[in-house]
Amino acid sequence: MAVDRNKKEKVYVKVSTDFDQTGYMQPRSVTWSDGRTFKIEKVKDFRPASIYRDDCSGYCFTVMIRGEEKHLFFEPADSTFSSRIGRWYVMTVS
């Protein structure tokens, strides 16, 4: 049986985010579970996540981190969790 070396999985991350007066969400930094934090230098684009992956809902921010373009996804929370807005993740190759 062949192993799919390009299998992608969601990795949930902590993201520091600002909201402007119009409600626009601006991610500022990403923190991995091991504590490493990376500043988001620039947000280049913002689109529905389904443009990048059929199995994704929510939004995809194309960001620059350490001079490299990355995709950062925001997944809105299920309406049954009234105290949660959503959570952030990145797709990694496993």
Protein backbone atom coordinates (compact mmCIF):
# COMPACT_ATOMS: atom_id res chain seq x y z
CA MET A 1 0.00 0.00 0.00
CA ALA A 2 1.45 3.36 -1.05
CA VAL A 3 1.79 6.14 1.49
CA ASP A 4 0.50 9.56 0.40
CA ARG A 5 3.43 11.80 1.31
CA ASN A 6 1.52 14.90 0.19
CA LYS A 7 -1.40 14.44 2.57
CA LYS A 8 -2.34 17.79 4.04
CA GLU A 9 -3.82 18.29 7.46
CA LYS A 10 -5.17 21.22 9.43
CA VAL A 11 -2.93 22.47 12.22
CA TYR A 12 -4.74 24.91 14.51
CA VAL A 13 -2.66 27.90 15.61
CA LYS A 14 -3.02 30.96 17.80
CA VAL A 15 -3.29 34.19 15.81
CA SER A 16 -3.11 37.70 17.19
CA THR A 17 -5.70 39.70 15.29
CA ASP A 18 -6.86 43.32 15.12
CA PHE A 19 -10.26 44.52 13.99
CA ASP A 20 -10.59 47.97 12.44
CA GLN A 21 -13.58 50.29 12.82
CA THR A 22 -15.30 48.69 9.81
CA GLY A 23 -14.97 45.18 11.27
CA TYR A 24 -12.15 44.07 8.94
CA MET A 25 -10.10 41.32 10.57
CA GLN A 26 -6.32 41.85 10.28
CA PRO A 27 -4.10 38.95 11.45
CA ARG A 28 -0.83 40.23 13.00
CA SER A 29 1.13 37.17 14.15
CA VAL A 30 0.96 33.38 14.28
CA THR A 31 1.99 31.32 17.33
CA TRP A 32 2.58 27.56 17.01
CA SER A 33 1.80 25.14 19.85
CA ASP A 34 5.53 24.98 20.72
CA GLY A 35 5.53 28.74 21.42
CA ARG A 36 7.29 29.96 18.27
CA THR A 37 5.72 33.23 17.11
CA PHE A 38 6.01 34.70 13.63
CA LYS A 39 5.04 38.25 12.70
CA ILE A 40 2.76 38.63 9.68
CA GLU A 41 4.56 41.23 7.59
CA LYS A 42 1.76 41.82 5.11
CA VAL A 43 -1.71 40.57 4.16
CA LYS A 44 -1.65 40.21 0.38
CA ASP A 45 -5.10 38.76 -0.25
CA PHE A 46 -8.33 37.62 1.38
CA ARG A 47 -10.71 35.12 -0.25
CA PRO A 48 -13.18 32.36 0.57
CA ALA A 49 -11.21 29.27 1.63
CA SER A 50 -13.09 27.09 -0.86
CA ILE A 51 -11.11 28.72 -3.68
CA TYR A 52 -8.00 26.91 -2.39
CA ARG A 53 -9.56 23.68 -1.14
CA ASP A 54 -13.02 22.24 -1.82
CA ASP A 55 -13.22 20.76 1.68
CA CYS A 56 -12.58 24.10 3.44
CA SER A 57 -15.09 26.64 4.64
CA GLY A 58 -14.37 30.07 5.99
CA TYR A 59 -11.70 32.43 4.74
CA CYS A 60 -8.13 32.28 3.49
CA PHE A 61 -5.66 35.08 4.09
CA THR A 62 -2.57 35.08 1.88
CA VAL A 63 0.12 36.51 4.14
CA MET A 64 3.85 37.19 4.10
CA ILE A 65 5.86 35.64 6.96
CA ARG A 66 9.65 35.90 6.97
CA GLY A 67 9.53 36.92 3.31
CA GLU A 68 7.51 33.86 2.24
CA GLU A 69 3.93 33.72 1.05
CA LYS A 70 1.71 31.51 3.25
CA HIS A 71 -2.00 30.67 3.46
CA LEU A 72 -3.67 31.25 6.81
CA PHE A 73 -7.25 30.01 7.18
CA PHE A 74 -10.03 31.26 9.47
CA GLU A 75 -12.79 28.75 10.22
CA PRO A 76 -15.96 30.32 11.69
CA ALA A 77 -17.36 28.51 14.73
CA ASP A 78 -20.47 26.41 14.66
CA SER A 79 -23.45 28.48 15.85
CA THR A 80 -23.95 26.06 18.77
CA PHE A 81 -20.87 27.58 20.43
CA SER A 82 -22.12 31.09 21.19
CA SER A 83 -18.93 32.20 22.95
CA ARG A 84 -16.67 31.23 20.03
CA ILE A 85 -16.15 33.28 16.89
CA GLY A 86 -13.89 30.80 15.12
CA ARG A 87 -10.35 29.48 14.95
CA TRP A 88 -7.28 29.76 12.76
CA TYR A 89 -5.32 27.00 11.04
CA VAL A 90 -2.64 26.34 8.46
CA MET A 91 -2.40 23.35 6.13
CA THR A 92 0.75 21.25 6.58
CA VAL A 93 2.09 18.26 4.71
CA SER A 94 2.20 15.18 6.91
